Amino acid sequence: MWHNGECLAPAKGGLAGNLIGISVLLVLGGPASFAAGVAVQVTPEMTGAGIVSSGVTLPPIPPVTGKRKNPVTSWGKPLPYPIVIADRRNNRLIEITPDKRIVWEFPSPDLVLYRGNEDVNFSEDGKLLAVSEEDNYDVHIVDYEKKAITWTYGTPDHKGSSPGFLNYPDDAHLLPDGNFLTADIRNHRVLIIDPRTSKIVTQWGTAGKRNHNPPHELAAPNGATPLANGDVLISEIGGSWITRITRDSKVLWSVQAPRVNYPSDAFPTVDGKHVIVADFWKPGRVVIFDPATRKVLWDYFVKEGEGMLDHPSLARELPDTGDIIVADDLRERVIVIDRQTKKIIWQYGMTDVKGHKPGYLNYPDGFDLDVYRDWKAAQAGR
């Protein structure tokens, strides 16, 4: 199994292909030739459960009435807003409300073009979703209401560093200016791509050079998170480095995350002052620290039992409550941890059990909060 550019266990053999997916890719702006890329073997582990659906009859989608800085009415504890989950090995995006109802779902339309979605984030207006697919070597934009892929960069099942190719892209964000931000792990670079032209407009790091020397060289970056003022937080696997960089490539600070073996997708805390990062390890942990002093302000670490994390890939501080939401990948669940008691107070997914029916997940790898649509009012009005 591969995640974030590192091998966790041997993958099984197998090969899959579909010319329909390739033809769609060409329309969406991918390369017209595979000549510059290297074909990779597609394994059963990579294709996961195939094309699956929860089978739930979905309700009408409410209009966008909230914004990131002015969200819709909070549901309060334990989860203030619905979440869209990148359910990686089910090859789908799925939205879950705080009362654990499935209200929106995007199953893969084609397993060549769309497979293994591992990070997902809303655009500034809440109408689009940025998606990355590490072991499918591409990134996408998905129209939320139309449930359609509207743009792709990268070539499925082919890795490379020349234009139109990626090598294990992780993290995906649409910036306010419409550009697409992603971390291209095995190429050791972070990219900002203009979807209107499919051209790289900013690159930090150099393909083929795995060193920590930002912005010129990076050591396997697996996270690139935009901040409110336009700066970007970059997480590097090599050395557990977290770096804050401006859009004009000025490094503001670069520190090693304390108590973390394998940093995954560092985020700012809600107030923007500190950093929260998951340790993609077993047992895993979540750390909040002050980048100015490297002082640990909060730490979740359980060595065994129900509370233990197994390779958590993403942790964020929740608005309104201050509690911590975590994608606990290899325990097949997304959980909320109470900030004060450090107890799990909300969970979606059955611990250690894979599945795609209601209540189950299969390698949940990323999520974002839907602060844009008032699903609570919509459900009350049904």
Protein backbone atom coordinates (compact mmCIF):
# COMPACT_ATOMS: atom_id res chain seq x y z
CA MET A 1 0.00 0.00 0.00
CA TRP A 2 1.22 3.46 -0.87
CA HIS A 3 0.23 6.68 0.82
CA ASN A 4 1.82 10.11 0.64
CA GLY A 5 4.64 8.69 -1.45
CA GLU A 6 5.79 6.10 1.09
CA CYS A 7 5.33 2.31 0.92
CA LEU A 8 3.32 0.83 3.80
CA ALA A 9 2.92 -2.73 2.52
CA PRO A 10 3.51 -4.67 -0.73
CA ALA A 11 0.90 -4.10 -3.41
CA LYS A 12 -0.71 -6.94 -5.36
CA GLY A 13 -0.36 -7.35 -9.12
CA GLY A 14 -2.95 -6.48 -11.75
CA LEU A 15 -3.63 -4.08 -14.60
CA ALA A 16 -6.62 -1.96 -15.57
CA GLY A 17 -7.29 0.32 -18.51
CA ASN A 18 -10.13 2.17 -20.19
CA LEU A 19 -9.88 4.28 -23.33
CA ILE A 20 -13.08 6.13 -22.44
CA GLY A 21 -11.40 7.65 -19.39
CA ILE A 22 -8.39 8.64 -21.48
CA SER A 23 -10.54 10.37 -24.07
CA VAL A 24 -12.30 12.35 -21.36
CA LEU A 25 -8.92 13.37 -19.98
CA LEU A 26 -7.88 14.81 -23.33
CA VAL A 27 -11.02 16.94 -23.46
CA LEU A 28 -10.33 18.24 -19.96
CA GLY A 29 -6.88 19.51 -20.82
CA GLY A 30 -4.51 16.61 -20.23
CA PRO A 31 -1.62 15.76 -22.56
CA ALA A 32 -2.36 14.38 -26.00
CA SER A 33 0.47 11.86 -25.70
CA PHE A 34 1.87 9.56 -23.02
CA ALA A 35 5.36 9.83 -24.51
CA ALA A 36 6.77 11.93 -21.67
CA GLY A 37 5.32 9.78 -18.88
CA VAL A 38 6.08 6.37 -17.45
CA ALA A 39 3.26 3.84 -17.21
CA VAL A 40 2.59 2.40 -13.75
CA GLN A 41 1.01 -0.91 -12.84
CA VAL A 42 -2.54 -0.62 -11.56
CA THR A 43 -3.12 -3.01 -8.67
CA PRO A 44 -6.35 -4.27 -7.09
CA GLU A 45 -5.46 -2.27 -4.00
CA MET A 46 -5.40 0.90 -6.09
CA THR A 47 -8.81 0.25 -7.63
CA GLY A 48 -10.27 -0.54 -4.20
CA ALA A 49 -13.97 -1.36 -4.11
CA GLY A 50 -14.52 -0.18 -7.69
CA ILE A 51 -17.50 2.03 -8.49
CA VAL A 52 -19.79 1.91 -5.47
CA SER A 53 -22.64 3.90 -3.97
CA SER A 54 -24.27 4.00 -0.57
CA GLY A 55 -27.62 3.31 -2.21
CA VAL A 56 -29.27 6.14 -0.29
CA THR A 57 -31.90 8.32 -1.97
CA LEU A 58 -30.32 11.74 -1.82
CA PRO A 59 -32.25 14.91 -0.92
CA PRO A 60 -32.32 18.06 -3.07
CA ILE A 61 -29.23 20.22 -2.71
CA PRO A 62 -29.90 23.47 -0.82
CA PRO A 63 -28.51 26.71 -2.24
CA VAL A 64 -25.22 28.22 -1.16
CA THR A 65 -26.01 30.79 1.53
CA GLY A 66 -22.83 30.72 3.62
CA LYS A 67 -19.20 31.59 3.15
CA ARG A 68 -16.01 30.41 4.77
CA LYS A 69 -15.84 33.60 6.84
CA ASN A 70 -19.60 33.80 7.34
CA PRO A 71 -20.83 30.20 7.55
CA VAL A 72 -24.38 28.91 7.76
CA THR A 73 -25.88 28.20 11.19
CA SER A 74 -23.74 25.83 13.24
CA TRP A 75 -25.05 22.46 14.45
CA GLY A 76 -22.89 22.88 17.58
CA LYS A 77 -21.23 19.95 19.34
CA PRO A 78 -20.06 17.38 18.48
CA LEU A 79 -19.75 18.38 14.80
CA PRO A 80 -20.72 21.94 13.83
CA TYR A 81 -21.02 21.38 10.06
CA PRO A 82 -21.55 18.56 7.57
CA ILE A 83 -18.36 17.15 6.04
CA VAL A 84 -17.46 15.98 2.55
CA ILE A 85 -15.20 12.94 2.91
CA ALA A 86 -12.74 11.66 0.32
CA ASP A 87 -13.55 7.96 0.76
CA ARG A 88 -10.40 6.81 -1.01
CA ARG A 89 -10.81 3.09 -1.65
CA ASN A 90 -14.51 3.47 -2.35
CA ASN A 91 -13.49 5.90 -5.12
CA ARG A 92 -16.12 8.40 -4.10
CA LEU A 93 -16.83 11.65 -2.32
CA ILE A 94 -19.59 11.49 0.26
CA GLU A 95 -21.19 14.17 2.44
CA ILE A 96 -22.26 13.32 5.98
CA THR A 97 -24.30 15.56 8.27
CA PRO A 98 -23.60 15.80 12.01
CA ASP A 99 -26.59 13.46 12.60
CA LYS A 100 -24.86 10.97 10.24
CA ARG A 101 -27.18 11.22 7.26
CA ILE A 102 -25.78 10.90 3.74
CA VAL A 103 -26.96 13.96 1.80
CA TRP A 104 -24.63 14.05 -1.21
CA GLU A 105 -22.45 11.55 -3.02
CA PHE A 106 -20.16 11.49 -6.04
CA PRO A 107 -19.21 7.95 -7.08
CA SER A 108 -16.45 7.53 -9.65
CA PRO A 109 -17.79 8.00 -13.17
CA ASP A 110 -14.85 6.03 -14.59
CA LEU A 111 -12.12 4.12 -12.76
CA VAL A 112 -9.35 5.17 -15.13
CA LEU A 113 -10.04 8.88 -15.00
CA TYR A 114 -11.24 8.99 -11.38
CA ARG A 115 -9.92 6.57 -8.78
CA GLY A 116 -8.54 6.81 -5.24
CA ASN A 117 -9.64 10.36 -4.33
CA GLU A 118 -7.59 11.18 -1.24
CA ASP A 119 -7.96 14.88 -0.45
CA VAL A 120 -10.90 17.18 -1.06
CA ASN A 121 -11.49 20.87 -0.38
CA PHE A 122 -14.19 23.35 -1.34
CA SER A 123 -13.52 26.38 -3.50
CA GLU A 124 -13.96 29.83 -1.98
CA ASP A 125 -17.59 30.03 -3.18
CA GLY A 126 -18.47 26.48 -2.15
CA LYS A 127 -19.52 25.45 -5.65
CA LEU A 128 -16.48 23.43 -6.69
CA LEU A 129 -14.34 20.74 -5.09
CA ALA A 130 -10.59 20.32 -5.56
CA VAL A 131 -9.58 16.66 -5.48
CA SER A 132 -6.20 14.90 -5.55
CA GLU A 133 -5.51 11.28 -6.47
CA GLU A 134 -2.03 10.16 -5.48
CA ASP A 135 -1.83 6.73 -7.07
CA ASN A 136 -3.86 7.80 -10.07
CA TYR A 137 -1.31 10.59 -10.69
CA ASP A 138 -3.87 13.32 -11.33
CA VAL A 139 -5.92 16.10 -9.73
CA HIS A 140 -9.46 17.21 -10.54
CA ILE A 141 -12.06 19.91 -10.14
CA VAL A 142 -15.55 18.57 -9.44
CA ASP A 143 -18.68 20.68 -9.84
CA TYR A 144 -20.66 20.03 -6.64
CA GLU A 145 -24.16 20.63 -8.00
CA LYS A 146 -23.63 19.06 -11.41
CA LYS A 147 -21.64 16.15 -9.94
CA ALA A 148 -19.27 16.36 -12.86
CA ILE A 149 -15.51 16.52 -13.39
CA THR A 150 -14.83 19.85 -15.07
CA TRP A 151 -11.02 19.85 -15.18
CA THR A 152 -8.14 17.41 -14.80
CA TYR A 153 -4.38 17.80 -14.66
CA GLY A 154 -2.12 14.78 -14.84
CA THR A 155 -2.34 11.54 -16.78
CA PRO A 156 -3.99 8.51 -15.17
CA ASP A 157 -1.68 5.54 -14.64
CA HIS A 158 1.34 7.49 -15.92
CA LYS A 159 3.87 9.31 -13.77
CA GLY A 160 6.26 12.06 -14.84
CA SER A 161 7.46 15.59 -14.24
CA SER A 162 7.08 17.17 -17.67
CA PRO A 163 4.03 19.34 -18.47
CA GLY A 164 0.80 17.39 -18.04
CA PHE A 165 2.28 14.83 -15.66
CA LEU A 166 2.51 14.42 -11.91
CA ASN A 167 4.11 11.89 -9.59
CA TYR A 168 1.95 11.14 -6.56
CA PRO A 169 0.06 14.43 -6.14
CA ASP A 170 -1.26 14.99 -2.63
CA ASP A 171 -3.48 17.76 -1.30
CA ALA A 172 -5.75 19.87 -3.48
CA HIS A 173 -7.03 23.42 -3.01
CA LEU A 174 -8.70 25.95 -5.25
CA LEU A 175 -7.34 29.40 -4.43
CA PRO A 176 -9.50 32.56 -4.44
CA ASP A 177 -7.98 33.59 -7.79
CA GLY A 178 -9.15 30.32 -9.35
CA ASN A 179 -5.74 28.65 -9.47
CA PHE A 180 -5.18 25.09 -8.24
CA LEU A 181 -2.66 24.24 -5.48
CA THR A 182 -1.21 20.76 -5.03
CA ALA A 183 1.83 18.99 -3.56
CA ASP A 184 3.56 16.73 -6.10
CA ILE A 185 5.26 14.42 -3.60
CA ARG A 186 7.64 12.24 -5.57
CA ASN A 187 8.61 15.12 -7.84
CA HIS A 188 9.53 17.03 -4.65
CA ARG A 189 7.63 20.13 -5.65
CA VAL A 190 4.53 22.18 -4.85
CA LEU A 191 2.62 23.50 -7.85
CA ILE A 192 0.10 26.24 -8.52
CA ILE A 193 -1.66 25.53 -11.82
CA ASP A 194 -4.00 27.77 -13.79
CA PRO A 195 -6.99 25.59 -14.78
CA ARG A 196 -7.87 28.00 -17.59
CA THR A 197 -4.65 27.17 -19.42
CA SER A 198 -3.43 24.04 -17.58
CA LYS A 199 -0.10 25.83 -17.19
CA ILE A 200 2.05 25.81 -14.04
CA VAL A 201 2.23 29.42 -12.83
CA THR A 202 4.26 28.79 -9.64
CA GLN A 203 6.59 25.98 -8.64
CA TRP A 204 8.42 25.50 -5.35
CA GLY A 205 10.95 22.69 -5.27
CA THR A 206 12.85 20.98 -8.06
CA ALA A 207 11.89 17.69 -9.67
CA GLY A 208 14.42 15.00 -8.81
CA LYS A 209 15.98 16.85 -5.85
CA ARG A 210 14.84 15.62 -2.44
CA ASN A 211 16.30 18.24 -0.10
CA HIS A 212 14.91 20.68 2.42
CA ASN A 213 15.89 24.06 1.03
CA PRO A 214 12.67 25.97 0.36
CA PRO A 215 11.61 27.39 -1.97
CA HIS A 216 14.25 25.92 -4.28
CA GLU A 217 14.18 22.31 -3.06
CA LEU A 218 11.71 20.29 -1.00
CA ALA A 219 11.90 16.84 0.61
CA ALA A 220 8.79 14.91 -0.44
CA PRO A 221 6.13 17.57 0.25
CA ASN A 222 2.76 15.98 0.99
CA GLY A 223 0.77 18.99 2.08
CA ALA A 224 0.17 22.50 0.73
CA THR A 225 -2.49 24.45 2.62
CA PRO A 226 -3.52 28.01 1.74
CA LEU A 227 -3.87 30.49 4.60
CA ALA A 228 -6.38 33.33 4.87
CA ASN A 229 -3.89 35.98 3.71
CA GLY A 230 -2.67 33.96 0.71
CA ASP A 231 0.42 32.37 2.29
CA VAL A 232 0.86 28.61 2.02
CA LEU A 233 1.82 26.00 4.64
CA ILE A 234 3.99 23.25 3.14
CA SER A 235 4.48 19.92 4.92
CA GLU A 236 7.53 17.82 4.01
CA ILE A 237 7.85 14.13 4.87
CA GLY A 238 11.63 14.39 4.88
CA GLY A 239 12.69 15.84 8.22
CA SER A 240 9.08 16.60 9.32
CA TRP A 241 9.43 20.19 8.13
CA ILE A 242 6.55 22.70 8.09
CA THR A 243 7.22 25.87 6.09
CA ARG A 244 5.21 29.06 5.65
CA ILE A 245 5.79 30.72 2.29
CA THR A 246 4.25 33.72 0.55
CA ARG A 247 2.81 33.62 -2.95
CA ASP A 248 5.88 35.50 -4.17
CA SER A 249 8.09 32.69 -2.81
CA LYS A 250 9.39 34.32 0.37
CA VAL A 251 9.96 31.84 3.21
CA LEU A 252 8.59 33.38 6.43
CA TRP A 253 9.57 30.48 8.67
CA SER A 254 10.48 26.81 8.48
CA VAL A 255 10.41 24.52 11.54
CA GLN A 256 10.42 20.81 12.29
CA ALA A 257 7.10 19.62 13.73
CA PRO A 258 7.65 18.43 17.32
CA ARG A 259 6.81 14.81 18.27
CA VAL A 260 5.90 13.98 14.68
CA ASN A 261 7.45 11.16 12.64
CA TYR A 262 5.56 11.72 9.40
CA PRO A 263 3.71 15.04 9.09
CA SER A 264 0.55 14.94 7.00
CA ASP A 265 -1.22 18.06 5.74
CA ALA A 266 -0.48 20.75 8.32
CA PHE A 267 -3.31 23.26 8.82
CA PRO A 268 -3.57 26.53 10.71
CA THR A 269 -5.68 26.59 13.85
CA VAL A 270 -8.94 28.52 13.60
CA ASP A 271 -7.33 31.72 14.91
CA GLY A 272 -4.46 31.37 12.43
CA LYS A 273 -1.78 31.59 15.11
CA HIS A 274 -0.71 27.98 15.50
CA VAL A 275 -0.30 24.79 13.47
CA ILE A 276 -2.18 21.50 13.76
CA VAL A 277 -0.71 18.43 12.09
CA ALA A 278 -1.43 14.70 12.00
CA ASP A 279 1.34 12.14 12.37
CA PHE A 280 0.79 9.48 9.69
CA TRP A 281 2.07 6.68 11.87
CA LYS A 282 0.94 3.77 14.06
CA PRO A 283 0.10 4.63 16.71
CA GLY A 284 -0.67 8.01 15.21
CA ARG A 285 -1.00 11.31 16.96
CA VAL A 286 -2.21 14.88 16.49
CA VAL A 287 -0.13 17.85 17.59
CA ILE A 288 -0.93 21.55 17.88
CA PHE A 289 2.19 23.66 18.24
CA ASP A 290 3.41 27.23 18.16
CA PRO A 291 5.71 27.62 15.12
CA ALA A 292 7.54 30.53 16.77
CA THR A 293 8.71 28.43 19.73
CA ARG A 294 7.97 24.83 18.65
CA LYS A 295 6.14 24.49 21.97
CA VAL A 296 3.46 21.78 21.92
CA LEU A 297 0.12 23.29 22.96
CA TRP A 298 -2.03 20.17 22.59
CA ASP A 299 -1.23 16.54 21.91
CA TYR A 300 -3.40 13.48 21.29
CA PHE A 301 -1.57 10.16 21.52
CA VAL A 302 -3.13 6.83 22.52
CA LYS A 303 -0.99 3.72 22.20
CA GLU A 304 -3.71 1.06 22.01
CA GLY A 305 -7.42 0.36 22.14
CA GLU A 306 -10.37 2.17 20.59
CA GLY A 307 -8.75 5.58 20.96
CA MET A 308 -5.57 4.66 19.08
CA LEU A 309 -5.07 6.27 15.68
CA ASP A 310 -3.68 4.24 12.78
CA HIS A 311 -2.03 6.44 10.14
CA PRO A 312 -4.21 9.56 10.50
CA SER A 313 -3.74 11.73 7.43
CA LEU A 314 -5.54 14.94 8.36
CA ALA A 315 -6.48 16.81 11.52
CA ARG A 316 -8.21 20.16 11.83
CA GLU A 317 -9.47 22.34 14.63
CA LEU A 318 -13.23 22.78 14.38
CA PRO A 319 -14.74 26.27 14.40
CA ASP A 320 -17.22 27.09 17.18
CA THR A 321 -16.22 24.18 19.44
CA GLY A 322 -12.41 24.04 19.27
CA ASP A 323 -12.58 20.24 19.13
CA ILE A 324 -10.42 18.23 16.73
CA ILE A 325 -11.64 16.32 13.66
CA VAL A 326 -9.37 13.58 12.29
CA ALA A 327 -9.29 11.30 9.26
CA ASP A 328 -8.15 8.03 10.84
CA ASP A 329 -7.32 6.32 7.57
CA LEU A 330 -6.48 2.74 8.43
CA ARG A 331 -9.17 2.44 11.10
CA GLU A 332 -11.77 3.31 8.44
CA ARG A 333 -13.28 6.28 10.26
CA VAL A 334 -13.51 10.03 10.66
CA ILE A 335 -13.69 11.08 14.30
CA VAL A 336 -14.12 14.16 16.48
CA ILE A 337 -11.98 14.34 19.63
CA ASP A 338 -13.10 16.52 22.53
CA ARG A 339 -10.45 19.17 23.09
CA GLN A 340 -10.62 18.98 26.89
CA THR A 341 -11.28 15.31 27.67
CA LYS A 342 -9.43 13.85 24.65
CA LYS A 343 -12.29 11.39 24.19
CA ILE A 344 -13.89 10.48 20.85
CA ILE A 345 -17.29 12.17 20.85
CA TRP A 346 -18.37 11.60 17.22
CA GLN A 347 -17.49 8.98 14.64
CA TYR A 348 -18.51 8.04 11.13
CA GLY A 349 -17.30 4.68 9.85
CA MET A 350 -17.04 1.34 11.66
CA THR A 351 -13.71 0.99 13.42
CA ASP A 352 -11.41 -1.39 11.53
CA VAL A 353 -14.20 -2.48 9.14
CA LYS A 354 -14.25 -1.53 5.45
CA GLY A 355 -17.52 -0.95 3.62
CA HIS A 356 -19.54 1.38 1.41
CA LYS A 357 -23.08 1.05 2.75
CA PRO A 358 -24.45 3.75 5.09
CA GLY A 359 -22.26 4.03 8.17
CA TYR A 360 -19.15 2.58 6.53
CA LEU A 361 -16.01 3.97 4.86
CA ASN A 362 -13.01 2.46 3.10
CA TYR A 363 -9.77 4.33 3.78
CA PRO A 364 -11.16 7.83 4.44
CA ASP A 365 -8.24 10.07 3.59
CA GLY A 366 -9.45 13.67 3.51
CA PHE A 367 -12.41 15.91 4.29
CA ASP A 368 -13.66 19.47 4.27
CA LEU A 369 -16.46 21.26 6.12
CA ASP A 370 -19.56 22.30 4.19
CA VAL A 371 -20.14 25.70 5.75
CA TYR A 372 -21.91 26.85 2.59
CA ARG A 373 -25.25 25.01 2.60
CA ASP A 374 -27.79 24.96 5.41
CA TRP A 375 -28.46 21.23 5.40
CA LYS A 376 -29.99 21.45 8.88
CA ALA A 377 -32.74 23.81 7.74
CA ALA A 378 -33.19 21.81 4.53
CA GLN A 379 -33.73 18.60 6.49
CA ALA A 380 -36.10 20.30 8.94
CA GLY A 381 -38.22 21.48 6.03
CA ARG A 382 -38.65 18.04 4.50
